[in-house]
Amino acid sequence: MLYLFLFLLLLSGCQESNSNIKEESLEETKTDDYKEKNMFTIDAYLQDIEDVLELNSKNLIDKLKEIDNLTFYSEVELLDFSTFVDPTHYTLSIVMFSMDKEANEVFYEGNDSNLFSGSMNIIDNIKYYQISDNQMNLFSTFYEENAETIVPKEQEVIKDWFEDCWITANNGQESGLPSYFSFHDEYKSYDLINKKWISEDEMWSF
């Protein structure tokens, strides 16, 4: 009987130990899931964008300085720096369009090669955010869940970067043309001369 009692006591202890191990394992799994789901924050994401864009500042500044040396065709009435963002691949491009007041791109068809019109690539398909492949799904979930908050903040970071480079390059002073920064398919533009966001209608009503 003594041996039977000791056997049952030992068996009970093993079962309790296994139960504790399972509970601890379950808690660790829950903790890991929580950490994975919360490994991204909006502030950290925006800071990462700032850091990556800063690496491209010199190229942007150099390109903006080139514009100072352009002689624009007389029918060009404003410059629109339009930004194309690809959130799937975390890339962006910026194209400068020379426009008239009717929102038409201006093209010079004369023989004077010194006159500029049309468009110019300013930044071509640069990465503004880096993420490893094994984190892609988690980040996509984080972005989708917070898109309403992230998108306007993301745009503001990109605009601030462009404006800082614009100021550093002292661009716009020689051309004397109204100049705007915009996001493709958005209905607002940033007035680089007066330093404020305006509606698309205001952009063409100066």
N, C-alpha and C. Protein backbone atom coordinates (compact mmCIF):
# COMPACT_ATOMS: atom_id res chain seq x y z
N MET A 1 0.82 -1.21 0.00
CA MET A 1 0.00 0.00 0.00
C MET A 1 0.85 1.25 0.00
N LEU A 2 1.96 1.20 0.74
CA LEU A 2 2.86 2.35 0.83
C LEU A 2 3.43 2.68 -0.55
N TYR A 3 3.83 1.60 -1.27
CA TYR A 3 4.37 1.81 -2.61
C TYR A 3 3.32 2.41 -3.54
N LEU A 4 2.07 1.93 -3.43
CA LEU A 4 0.99 2.45 -4.26
C LEU A 4 0.74 3.93 -3.98
N PHE A 5 0.78 4.28 -2.69
CA PHE A 5 0.56 5.68 -2.29
C PHE A 5 1.66 6.58 -2.85
N LEU A 6 2.91 6.10 -2.74
CA LEU A 6 4.03 6.90 -3.26
C LEU A 6 3.94 7.06 -4.77
N PHE A 7 3.49 5.99 -5.48
CA PHE A 7 3.36 6.04 -6.93
C PHE A 7 2.31 7.06 -7.35
N LEU A 8 1.16 7.04 -6.65
CA LEU A 8 0.09 7.98 -6.97
C LEU A 8 0.51 9.42 -6.68
N LEU A 9 1.27 9.58 -5.57
CA LEU A 9 1.75 10.93 -5.21
C LEU A 9 2.71 11.45 -6.28
N LEU A 10 3.61 10.56 -6.74
CA LEU A 10 4.57 10.95 -7.77
C LEU A 10 3.87 11.28 -9.08
N LEU A 11 2.85 10.45 -9.43
CA LEU A 11 2.09 10.68 -10.66
C LEU A 11 1.36 12.00 -10.62
N SER A 12 0.78 12.33 -9.47
CA SER A 12 0.08 13.60 -9.30
C SER A 12 1.02 14.78 -9.47
N GLY A 13 2.23 14.62 -8.90
CA GLY A 13 3.22 15.69 -9.01
C GLY A 13 3.65 15.92 -10.44
N CYS A 14 3.81 14.83 -11.21
CA CYS A 14 4.20 14.95 -12.62
C CYS A 14 3.12 15.65 -13.43
N GLN A 15 1.85 15.27 -13.17
CA GLN A 15 0.75 15.88 -13.90
C GLN A 15 0.67 17.38 -13.62
N GLU A 16 0.88 17.73 -12.32
CA GLU A 16 0.85 19.16 -11.96
C GLU A 16 2.00 19.90 -12.61
N SER A 17 3.17 19.25 -12.66
CA SER A 17 4.33 19.88 -13.29
C SER A 17 4.09 20.09 -14.77
N ASN A 18 3.52 19.08 -15.45
CA ASN A 18 3.22 19.21 -16.88
C ASN A 18 2.20 20.31 -17.13
N SER A 19 1.22 20.40 -16.23
CA SER A 19 0.21 21.44 -16.35
C SER A 19 0.83 22.82 -16.23
N ASN A 20 1.76 22.97 -15.26
CA ASN A 20 2.43 24.26 -15.08
C ASN A 20 3.26 24.63 -16.30
N ILE A 21 3.93 23.61 -16.89
CA ILE A 21 4.76 23.85 -18.06
C ILE A 21 3.90 24.33 -19.23
N LYS A 22 2.72 23.66 -19.41
CA LYS A 22 1.82 24.05 -20.48
C LYS A 22 1.31 25.47 -20.29
N GLU A 23 0.96 25.82 -19.03
CA GLU A 23 0.47 27.17 -18.76
C GLU A 23 1.55 28.21 -19.04
N GLU A 24 2.79 27.88 -18.60
CA GLU A 24 3.90 28.80 -18.84
C GLU A 24 4.16 28.97 -20.34
N SER A 25 4.07 27.84 -21.07
CA SER A 25 4.28 27.88 -22.51
C SER A 25 3.20 28.72 -23.18
N LEU A 26 1.94 28.56 -22.72
CA LEU A 26 0.84 29.34 -23.27
C LEU A 26 1.02 30.82 -22.99
N GLU A 27 1.47 31.16 -21.78
CA GLU A 27 1.70 32.57 -21.43
C GLU A 27 2.82 33.16 -22.28
N GLU A 28 3.88 32.35 -22.51
CA GLU A 28 4.98 32.83 -23.34
C GLU A 28 4.51 33.09 -24.77
N THR A 29 3.65 32.19 -25.27
CA THR A 29 3.11 32.36 -26.62
C THR A 29 2.29 33.64 -26.71
N LYS A 30 1.44 33.87 -25.69
CA LYS A 30 0.64 35.08 -25.66
C LYS A 30 1.52 36.32 -25.61
N THR A 31 2.57 36.25 -24.82
CA THR A 31 3.50 37.38 -24.70
C THR A 31 4.19 37.66 -26.03
N ASP A 32 4.63 36.56 -26.70
CA ASP A 32 5.29 36.72 -28.00
C ASP A 32 4.34 37.32 -29.03
N ASP A 33 3.08 36.86 -29.03
CA ASP A 33 2.09 37.41 -29.96
C ASP A 33 1.87 38.89 -29.69
N TYR A 34 1.81 39.26 -28.42
CA TYR A 34 1.60 40.67 -28.05
C TYR A 34 2.78 41.51 -28.52
N LYS A 35 3.99 40.99 -28.30
CA LYS A 35 5.19 41.74 -28.70
C LYS A 35 5.22 41.93 -30.20
N GLU A 36 4.87 40.85 -30.95
CA GLU A 36 4.88 40.95 -32.40
C GLU A 36 3.87 41.98 -32.90
N LYS A 37 2.68 41.95 -32.32
CA LYS A 37 1.63 42.86 -32.75
C LYS A 37 1.94 44.30 -32.37
N ASN A 38 2.77 44.50 -31.37
CA ASN A 38 3.06 45.85 -30.89
C ASN A 38 4.50 46.27 -31.13
N MET A 39 5.17 45.57 -32.07
CA MET A 39 6.56 45.90 -32.33
C MET A 39 6.69 47.18 -33.17
N PHE A 40 5.59 47.62 -33.80
CA PHE A 40 5.59 48.84 -34.58
C PHE A 40 4.78 49.92 -33.86
N THR A 41 5.29 51.14 -33.91
CA THR A 41 4.54 52.28 -33.39
C THR A 41 4.55 53.37 -34.45
N ILE A 42 3.57 54.23 -34.40
CA ILE A 42 3.46 55.31 -35.40
C ILE A 42 4.66 56.24 -35.31
N ASP A 43 5.03 56.62 -34.09
CA ASP A 43 6.17 57.54 -33.92
C ASP A 43 7.46 56.94 -34.46
N ALA A 44 7.68 55.66 -34.17
CA ALA A 44 8.91 55.01 -34.64
C ALA A 44 8.91 54.90 -36.16
N TYR A 45 7.75 54.60 -36.73
CA TYR A 45 7.64 54.50 -38.19
C TYR A 45 7.95 55.85 -38.85
N LEU A 46 7.39 56.92 -38.32
CA LEU A 46 7.63 58.26 -38.89
C LEU A 46 9.10 58.66 -38.74
N GLN A 47 9.70 58.30 -37.61
CA GLN A 47 11.12 58.62 -37.41
C GLN A 47 11.99 57.86 -38.40
N ASP A 48 11.63 56.62 -38.69
CA ASP A 48 12.37 55.83 -39.67
C ASP A 48 12.30 56.48 -41.05
N ILE A 49 11.12 57.00 -41.40
CA ILE A 49 10.97 57.68 -42.69
C ILE A 49 11.88 58.91 -42.73
N GLU A 50 11.86 59.70 -41.67
CA GLU A 50 12.70 60.90 -41.60
C GLU A 50 14.17 60.53 -41.81
N ASP A 51 14.61 59.48 -41.14
CA ASP A 51 16.02 59.07 -41.21
C ASP A 51 16.40 58.65 -42.62
N VAL A 52 15.52 57.88 -43.28
CA VAL A 52 15.81 57.40 -44.63
C VAL A 52 15.80 58.57 -45.63
N LEU A 53 14.82 59.45 -45.51
CA LEU A 53 14.75 60.59 -46.42
C LEU A 53 15.97 61.49 -46.28
N GLU A 54 16.44 61.65 -45.06
CA GLU A 54 17.61 62.50 -44.81
C GLU A 54 18.82 62.02 -45.61
N LEU A 55 18.91 60.73 -45.82
CA LEU A 55 20.02 60.17 -46.60
C LEU A 55 19.96 60.62 -48.06
N ASN A 56 18.78 61.06 -48.50
CA ASN A 56 18.60 61.49 -49.89
C ASN A 56 18.54 63.01 -50.03
N SER A 57 18.80 63.73 -48.95
CA SER A 57 18.68 65.19 -48.97
C SER A 57 19.65 65.85 -49.94
N LYS A 58 20.89 65.40 -49.96
CA LYS A 58 21.87 66.05 -50.83
C LYS A 58 21.46 65.94 -52.30
N ASN A 59 21.00 64.76 -52.71
CA ASN A 59 20.58 64.59 -54.10
C ASN A 59 19.41 65.51 -54.44
N LEU A 60 18.47 65.64 -53.50
CA LEU A 60 17.32 66.50 -53.74
C LEU A 60 17.76 67.96 -53.82
N ILE A 61 18.60 68.38 -52.90
CA ILE A 61 19.08 69.77 -52.89
C ILE A 61 19.82 70.11 -54.18
N ASP A 62 20.69 69.19 -54.61
CA ASP A 62 21.43 69.41 -55.86
C ASP A 62 20.49 69.55 -57.05
N LYS A 63 19.44 68.73 -57.05
CA LYS A 63 18.49 68.78 -58.17
C LYS A 63 17.69 70.08 -58.14
N LEU A 64 17.31 70.51 -56.94
CA LEU A 64 16.56 71.76 -56.82
C LEU A 64 17.42 72.96 -57.23
N LYS A 65 18.70 72.89 -56.96
CA LYS A 65 19.60 73.98 -57.36
C LYS A 65 19.68 74.09 -58.87
N GLU A 66 19.57 72.96 -59.56
CA GLU A 66 19.62 72.97 -61.03
C GLU A 66 18.49 73.83 -61.61
N ILE A 67 17.37 73.85 -60.90
CA ILE A 67 16.21 74.58 -61.40
C ILE A 67 16.49 76.08 -61.44
N ASP A 68 17.36 76.53 -60.53
CA ASP A 68 17.71 77.96 -60.51
C ASP A 68 18.38 78.39 -61.81
N ASN A 69 18.99 77.44 -62.48
CA ASN A 69 19.72 77.77 -63.71
C ASN A 69 18.87 77.63 -64.96
N LEU A 70 17.60 77.26 -64.78
CA LEU A 70 16.72 77.10 -65.93
C LEU A 70 16.11 78.43 -66.35
N THR A 71 15.93 78.59 -67.62
CA THR A 71 15.18 79.73 -68.16
C THR A 71 13.84 79.18 -68.64
N PHE A 72 12.79 79.54 -67.93
CA PHE A 72 11.48 78.98 -68.26
C PHE A 72 10.83 79.72 -69.42
N TYR A 73 10.16 78.94 -70.24
CA TYR A 73 9.37 79.49 -71.34
C TYR A 73 8.34 80.47 -70.78
N SER A 74 8.09 81.54 -71.46
CA SER A 74 7.26 82.64 -70.94
C SER A 74 5.85 82.21 -70.58
N GLU A 75 5.33 81.15 -71.17
CA GLU A 75 3.97 80.72 -70.88
C GLU A 75 3.88 79.85 -69.62
N VAL A 76 5.03 79.50 -69.04
CA VAL A 76 5.03 78.76 -67.78
C VAL A 76 4.69 79.74 -66.66
N GLU A 77 3.63 79.42 -65.89
CA GLU A 77 3.15 80.35 -64.86
C GLU A 77 3.28 79.83 -63.43
N LEU A 78 3.49 78.53 -63.29
CA LEU A 78 3.74 77.98 -61.95
C LEU A 78 4.43 76.64 -62.06
N LEU A 79 5.08 76.23 -60.96
CA LEU A 79 5.75 74.94 -60.89
C LEU A 79 5.03 74.05 -59.89
N ASP A 80 4.75 72.84 -60.31
CA ASP A 80 4.07 71.88 -59.44
C ASP A 80 4.99 70.69 -59.21
N PHE A 81 5.48 70.54 -57.98
CA PHE A 81 6.30 69.39 -57.62
C PHE A 81 5.37 68.30 -57.10
N SER A 82 5.05 67.38 -57.99
CA SER A 82 4.06 66.35 -57.67
C SER A 82 4.76 65.08 -57.19
N THR A 83 4.29 64.57 -56.05
CA THR A 83 4.91 63.41 -55.41
C THR A 83 4.05 62.17 -55.62
N PHE A 84 4.69 61.11 -56.08
CA PHE A 84 4.02 59.84 -56.32
C PHE A 84 4.54 58.83 -55.30
N VAL A 85 3.66 58.38 -54.41
CA VAL A 85 4.04 57.45 -53.35
C VAL A 85 3.47 56.07 -53.65
N ASP A 86 4.34 55.06 -53.56
CA ASP A 86 3.90 53.67 -53.74
C ASP A 86 4.01 52.98 -52.38
N PRO A 87 2.91 52.89 -51.61
CA PRO A 87 2.96 52.32 -50.27
C PRO A 87 3.19 50.81 -50.26
N THR A 88 3.01 50.17 -51.41
CA THR A 88 3.25 48.73 -51.49
C THR A 88 4.74 48.41 -51.44
N HIS A 89 5.53 49.24 -52.11
CA HIS A 89 6.98 49.00 -52.16
C HIS A 89 7.76 50.06 -51.38
N TYR A 90 7.03 50.97 -50.70
CA TYR A 90 7.66 52.01 -49.89
C TYR A 90 8.65 52.85 -50.71
N THR A 91 8.18 53.29 -51.87
CA THR A 91 9.01 54.14 -52.72
C THR A 91 8.26 55.43 -53.05
N LEU A 92 9.03 56.45 -53.39
CA LEU A 92 8.41 57.71 -53.83
C LEU A 92 9.23 58.34 -54.93
N SER A 93 8.53 59.07 -55.78
CA SER A 93 9.16 59.82 -56.85
C SER A 93 8.56 61.23 -56.84
N ILE A 94 9.37 62.20 -57.26
CA ILE A 94 8.89 63.59 -57.35
C ILE A 94 9.19 64.11 -58.75
N VAL A 95 8.16 64.64 -59.39
CA VAL A 95 8.32 65.19 -60.74
C VAL A 95 7.89 66.65 -60.73
N MET A 96 8.70 67.51 -61.32
CA MET A 96 8.33 68.91 -61.45
C MET A 96 7.63 69.12 -62.78
N PHE A 97 6.42 69.69 -62.73
CA PHE A 97 5.67 70.02 -63.94
C PHE A 97 5.61 71.53 -64.09
N SER A 98 5.86 72.02 -65.29
CA SER A 98 5.69 73.46 -65.57
C SER A 98 4.29 73.65 -66.13
N MET A 99 3.52 74.50 -65.47
CA MET A 99 2.09 74.60 -65.76
C MET A 99 1.67 76.04 -66.08
N ASP A 100 0.48 76.17 -66.69
CA ASP A 100 -0.12 77.49 -66.83
C ASP A 100 -1.28 77.62 -65.84
N LYS A 101 -1.94 78.75 -65.82
CA LYS A 101 -3.00 79.00 -64.84
C LYS A 101 -4.26 78.17 -65.08
N GLU A 102 -4.33 77.54 -66.25
CA GLU A 102 -5.49 76.72 -66.57
C GLU A 102 -5.25 75.25 -66.20
N ALA A 103 -4.20 75.00 -65.45
CA ALA A 103 -3.85 73.65 -65.00
C ALA A 103 -3.40 72.75 -66.14
N ASN A 104 -2.82 73.36 -67.17
CA ASN A 104 -2.28 72.60 -68.29
C ASN A 104 -0.76 72.60 -68.24
N GLU A 105 -0.16 71.46 -68.54
CA GLU A 105 1.29 71.43 -68.62
C GLU A 105 1.74 72.18 -69.88
N VAL A 106 2.77 72.99 -69.75
CA VAL A 106 3.23 73.83 -70.85
C VAL A 106 4.37 73.15 -71.60
N PHE A 107 4.29 73.17 -72.92
CA PHE A 107 5.35 72.61 -73.77
C PHE A 107 5.80 73.68 -74.78
N TYR A 108 7.08 73.88 -74.84
CA TYR A 108 7.64 74.84 -75.81
C TYR A 108 8.04 74.08 -77.07
N GLU A 109 7.59 74.55 -78.21
CA GLU A 109 7.87 73.87 -79.48
C GLU A 109 8.74 74.70 -80.42
N GLY A 110 9.36 75.71 -79.85
CA GLY A 110 10.22 76.56 -80.67
C GLY A 110 11.63 75.99 -80.82
N ASN A 111 12.53 76.82 -81.30
CA ASN A 111 13.89 76.38 -81.61
C ASN A 111 14.92 76.81 -80.57
N ASP A 112 14.50 77.56 -79.56
CA ASP A 112 15.45 78.05 -78.56
C ASP A 112 15.69 76.95 -77.52
N SER A 113 16.83 76.29 -77.58
CA SER A 113 17.15 75.18 -76.68
C SER A 113 17.39 75.63 -75.24
N ASN A 114 17.51 76.95 -75.03
CA ASN A 114 17.75 77.46 -73.68
C ASN A 114 16.47 77.56 -72.86
N LEU A 115 15.32 77.51 -73.53
CA LEU A 115 14.05 77.65 -72.83
C LEU A 115 13.56 76.30 -72.33
N PHE A 116 13.10 76.28 -71.05
CA PHE A 116 12.63 75.02 -70.46
C PHE A 116 11.11 75.04 -70.32
N SER A 117 10.50 73.90 -70.62
CA SER A 117 9.09 73.67 -70.34
C SER A 117 8.91 72.17 -70.19
N GLY A 118 7.69 71.76 -69.86
CA GLY A 118 7.46 70.32 -69.69
C GLY A 118 7.72 69.88 -68.27
N SER A 119 8.31 68.70 -68.12
CA SER A 119 8.52 68.14 -66.78
C SER A 119 9.97 67.74 -66.57
N MET A 120 10.30 67.52 -65.29
CA MET A 120 11.65 67.09 -64.93
C MET A 120 11.57 66.16 -63.72
N ASN A 121 12.24 65.01 -63.80
CA ASN A 121 12.32 64.12 -62.64
C ASN A 121 13.23 64.73 -61.58
N ILE A 122 12.70 64.87 -60.38
CA ILE A 122 13.48 65.44 -59.28
C ILE A 122 14.03 64.33 -58.38
N ILE A 123 13.17 63.41 -58.00
CA ILE A 123 13.55 62.23 -57.23
C ILE A 123 12.89 61.04 -57.91
N ASP A 124 13.68 60.01 -58.18
CA ASP A 124 13.14 58.89 -58.96
C ASP A 124 13.14 57.59 -58.17
N ASN A 125 11.97 57.21 -57.69
CA ASN A 125 11.75 55.87 -57.14
C ASN A 125 12.70 55.51 -56.00
N ILE A 126 12.81 56.38 -55.00
CA ILE A 126 13.68 56.07 -53.87
C ILE A 126 12.87 55.37 -52.76
N LYS A 127 13.55 54.53 -52.00
CA LYS A 127 12.93 53.86 -50.85
C LYS A 127 12.83 54.85 -49.70
N TYR A 128 11.63 54.99 -49.14
CA TYR A 128 11.48 55.87 -47.97
C TYR A 128 11.29 55.08 -46.68
N TYR A 129 11.23 53.75 -46.80
CA TYR A 129 11.09 52.91 -45.61
C TYR A 129 11.67 51.53 -45.90
N GLN A 130 12.40 50.99 -44.94
CA GLN A 130 13.02 49.68 -45.10
C GLN A 130 12.43 48.71 -44.08
N ILE A 131 12.11 47.49 -44.54
CA ILE A 131 11.57 46.48 -43.64
C ILE A 131 11.95 45.11 -44.16
N SER A 132 12.25 44.19 -43.26
CA SER A 132 12.64 42.84 -43.67
C SER A 132 11.42 42.06 -44.15
N ASP A 133 11.67 41.07 -44.98
CA ASP A 133 10.58 40.27 -45.56
C ASP A 133 9.76 39.55 -44.48
N ASN A 134 10.44 39.07 -43.43
CA ASN A 134 9.72 38.30 -42.41
C ASN A 134 8.84 39.18 -41.51
N GLN A 135 8.97 40.52 -41.64
CA GLN A 135 8.13 41.43 -40.86
C GLN A 135 7.04 42.09 -41.71
N MET A 136 7.05 41.76 -43.00
CA MET A 136 6.17 42.45 -43.94
C MET A 136 4.69 42.31 -43.57
N ASN A 137 4.26 41.09 -43.28
CA ASN A 137 2.84 40.87 -42.97
C ASN A 137 2.42 41.59 -41.70
N LEU A 138 3.28 41.55 -40.69
CA LEU A 138 2.96 42.24 -39.44
C LEU A 138 2.87 43.74 -39.65
N PHE A 139 3.81 44.28 -40.45
CA PHE A 139 3.78 45.72 -40.69
C PHE A 139 2.55 46.11 -41.49
N SER A 140 2.19 45.29 -42.48
CA SER A 140 1.01 45.59 -43.30
C SER A 140 -0.24 45.66 -42.43
N THR A 141 -0.34 44.74 -41.48
CA THR A 141 -1.48 44.75 -40.56
C THR A 141 -1.48 46.02 -39.71
N PHE A 142 -0.30 46.36 -39.18
CA PHE A 142 -0.16 47.58 -38.38
C PHE A 142 -0.55 48.81 -39.19
N TYR A 143 -0.09 48.88 -40.44
CA TYR A 143 -0.36 50.05 -41.28
C TYR A 143 -1.85 50.17 -41.58
N GLU A 144 -2.46 49.06 -41.95
CA GLU A 144 -3.89 49.08 -42.28
C GLU A 144 -4.74 49.49 -41.08
N GLU A 145 -4.37 49.00 -39.90
CA GLU A 145 -5.15 49.31 -38.70
C GLU A 145 -5.01 50.77 -38.29
N ASN A 146 -3.91 51.41 -38.71
CA ASN A 146 -3.65 52.79 -38.28
C ASN A 146 -3.57 53.77 -39.45
N ALA A 147 -4.02 53.35 -40.62
CA ALA A 147 -3.85 54.15 -41.84
C ALA A 147 -4.45 55.55 -41.72
N GLU A 148 -5.59 55.66 -41.08
CA GLU A 148 -6.26 56.97 -40.97
C GLU A 148 -5.39 57.98 -40.23
N THR A 149 -4.63 57.51 -39.27
CA THR A 149 -3.73 58.38 -38.52
C THR A 149 -2.39 58.53 -39.22
N ILE A 150 -1.90 57.44 -39.79
CA ILE A 150 -0.55 57.42 -40.37
C ILE A 150 -0.45 58.27 -41.63
N VAL A 151 -1.37 58.13 -42.56
CA VAL A 151 -1.23 58.74 -43.89
C VAL A 151 -1.00 60.25 -43.83
N PRO A 152 -1.83 61.04 -43.11
CA PRO A 152 -1.56 62.48 -43.07
C PRO A 152 -0.24 62.83 -42.39
N LYS A 153 0.14 62.07 -41.38
CA LYS A 153 1.41 62.31 -40.70
C LYS A 153 2.59 61.96 -41.62
N GLU A 154 2.43 60.89 -42.35
CA GLU A 154 3.43 60.44 -43.32
C GLU A 154 3.64 61.51 -44.38
N GLN A 155 2.55 62.05 -44.89
CA GLN A 155 2.63 63.11 -45.90
C GLN A 155 3.31 64.36 -45.36
N GLU A 156 3.04 64.67 -44.10
CA GLU A 156 3.64 65.86 -43.49
C GLU A 156 5.15 65.69 -43.36
N VAL A 157 5.60 64.49 -43.03
CA VAL A 157 7.03 64.21 -42.92
C VAL A 157 7.70 64.40 -44.28
N ILE A 158 7.09 63.86 -45.32
CA ILE A 158 7.66 63.97 -46.67
C ILE A 158 7.67 65.43 -47.12
N LYS A 159 6.57 66.15 -46.84
CA LYS A 159 6.50 67.57 -47.21
C LYS A 159 7.57 68.38 -46.48
N ASP A 160 7.72 68.12 -45.18
CA ASP A 160 8.73 68.86 -44.40
C ASP A 160 10.13 68.63 -44.94
N TRP A 161 10.41 67.38 -45.31
CA TRP A 161 11.71 67.06 -45.89
C TRP A 161 11.95 67.84 -47.18
N PHE A 162 10.94 67.84 -48.05
CA PHE A 162 11.08 68.56 -49.31
C PHE A 162 11.26 70.06 -49.06
N GLU A 163 10.45 70.60 -48.16
CA GLU A 163 10.52 72.04 -47.89
C GLU A 163 11.88 72.43 -47.31
N ASP A 164 12.41 71.61 -46.40
CA ASP A 164 13.73 71.90 -45.83
C ASP A 164 14.80 71.93 -46.92
N CYS A 165 14.72 70.97 -47.84
CA CYS A 165 15.69 70.94 -48.94
C CYS A 165 15.49 72.12 -49.88
N TRP A 166 14.23 72.49 -50.07
CA TRP A 166 13.90 73.65 -50.91
C TRP A 166 14.53 74.92 -50.32
N ILE A 167 14.40 75.10 -49.03
CA ILE A 167 14.95 76.28 -48.37
C ILE A 167 16.47 76.26 -48.45
N THR A 168 17.07 75.09 -48.20
CA THR A 168 18.52 74.98 -48.27
C THR A 168 19.05 75.31 -49.66
N ALA A 169 18.31 74.89 -50.66
CA ALA A 169 18.73 75.14 -52.04
C ALA A 169 18.43 76.57 -52.48
N ASN A 170 17.69 77.35 -51.63
CA ASN A 170 17.28 78.70 -52.00
C ASN A 170 16.53 78.71 -53.33
N ASN A 171 15.77 77.67 -53.53
CA ASN A 171 15.09 77.55 -54.81
C ASN A 171 13.89 78.49 -54.90
N GLY A 172 13.53 78.86 -56.14
CA GLY A 172 12.36 79.69 -56.36
C GLY A 172 12.68 81.16 -56.45
N GLN A 173 13.78 81.59 -55.90
CA GLN A 173 14.09 83.02 -55.90
C GLN A 173 14.44 83.53 -57.30
N GLU A 174 15.22 82.71 -58.05
CA GLU A 174 15.60 83.16 -59.38
C GLU A 174 14.46 83.03 -60.39
N SER A 175 13.69 81.93 -60.28
CA SER A 175 12.62 81.73 -61.25
C SER A 175 11.48 82.71 -61.04
N GLY A 176 11.22 83.07 -59.79
CA GLY A 176 10.13 83.98 -59.48
C GLY A 176 8.76 83.40 -59.74
N LEU A 177 8.67 82.10 -59.93
CA LEU A 177 7.39 81.46 -60.24
C LEU A 177 6.72 80.92 -58.98
N PRO A 178 5.40 81.04 -58.86
CA PRO A 178 4.70 80.37 -57.77
C PRO A 178 5.03 78.88 -57.84
N SER A 179 5.32 78.29 -56.68
CA SER A 179 5.75 76.89 -56.65
C SER A 179 5.00 76.13 -55.57
N TYR A 180 4.61 74.91 -55.91
CA TYR A 180 3.77 74.12 -55.01
C TYR A 180 4.28 72.69 -54.90
N PHE A 181 4.05 72.11 -53.74
CA PHE A 181 4.37 70.70 -53.50
C PHE A 181 3.05 69.97 -53.28
N SER A 182 2.85 68.87 -53.98
CA SER A 182 1.57 68.16 -53.88
C SER A 182 1.79 66.65 -53.92
N PHE A 183 0.75 65.93 -53.51
CA PHE A 183 0.73 64.48 -53.62
C PHE A 183 -0.24 64.11 -54.73
N HIS A 184 0.18 63.20 -55.58
CA HIS A 184 -0.63 62.79 -56.71
C HIS A 184 -2.01 62.32 -56.26
N ASP A 185 -3.04 62.80 -56.93
CA ASP A 185 -4.43 62.43 -56.66
C ASP A 185 -4.98 63.01 -55.35
N GLU A 186 -4.26 63.95 -54.75
CA GLU A 186 -4.78 64.65 -53.57
C GLU A 186 -5.39 65.97 -54.03
N TYR A 187 -6.27 66.53 -53.20
CA TYR A 187 -6.95 67.77 -53.57
C TYR A 187 -6.43 68.97 -52.77
N LYS A 188 -5.16 68.91 -52.43
CA LYS A 188 -4.54 70.03 -51.76
C LYS A 188 -3.09 70.12 -52.22
N SER A 189 -2.50 71.29 -52.04
CA SER A 189 -1.10 71.52 -52.39
C SER A 189 -0.48 72.40 -51.32
N TYR A 190 0.84 72.28 -51.19
CA TYR A 190 1.55 73.11 -50.23
C TYR A 190 2.22 74.26 -50.98
N ASP A 191 1.85 75.47 -50.62
CA ASP A 191 2.41 76.68 -51.23
C ASP A 191 3.80 76.91 -50.64
N LEU A 192 4.84 76.65 -51.44
CA LEU A 192 6.21 76.75 -50.95
C LEU A 192 6.65 78.19 -50.70
N ILE A 193 6.03 79.14 -51.37
CA ILE A 193 6.39 80.54 -51.18
C ILE A 193 5.74 81.09 -49.91
N ASN A 194 4.46 80.83 -49.74
CA ASN A 194 3.72 81.35 -48.58
C ASN A 194 3.64 80.37 -47.41
N LYS A 195 4.21 79.18 -47.61
CA LYS A 195 4.35 78.18 -46.53
C LYS A 195 3.02 77.81 -45.88
N LYS A 196 2.09 77.33 -46.70
CA LYS A 196 0.81 76.89 -46.15
C LYS A 196 0.13 75.94 -47.14
N TRP A 197 -0.70 75.05 -46.60
CA TRP A 197 -1.50 74.15 -47.43
C TRP A 197 -2.68 74.94 -48.00
N ILE A 198 -2.98 74.70 -49.25
CA ILE A 198 -4.13 75.34 -49.89
C ILE A 198 -4.91 74.27 -50.66
N SER A 199 -6.13 74.59 -51.02
CA SER A 199 -6.93 73.67 -51.82
C SER A 199 -6.45 73.70 -53.26
N GLU A 200 -6.84 72.69 -54.01
CA GLU A 200 -6.45 72.62 -55.42
C GLU A 200 -6.99 73.83 -56.19
N ASP A 201 -8.21 74.25 -55.86
CA ASP A 201 -8.80 75.41 -56.54
C ASP A 201 -7.98 76.68 -56.30
N GLU A 202 -7.50 76.85 -55.08
CA GLU A 202 -6.69 78.04 -54.75
C GLU A 202 -5.39 78.06 -55.54
N MET A 203 -4.89 76.89 -55.82
CA MET A 203 -3.61 76.79 -56.54
C MET A 203 -3.70 77.42 -57.91
N TRP A 204 -4.86 77.39 -58.51
CA TRP A 204 -5.02 77.90 -59.88
C TRP A 204 -5.70 79.26 -59.92
N SER A 205 -5.93 79.86 -58.78
CA SER A 205 -6.68 81.13 -58.75
C SER A 205 -5.81 82.33 -58.41
N PHE A 206 -4.50 82.17 -58.43
CA PHE A 206 -3.63 83.31 -58.08
C PHE A 206 -3.65 84.38 -59.17
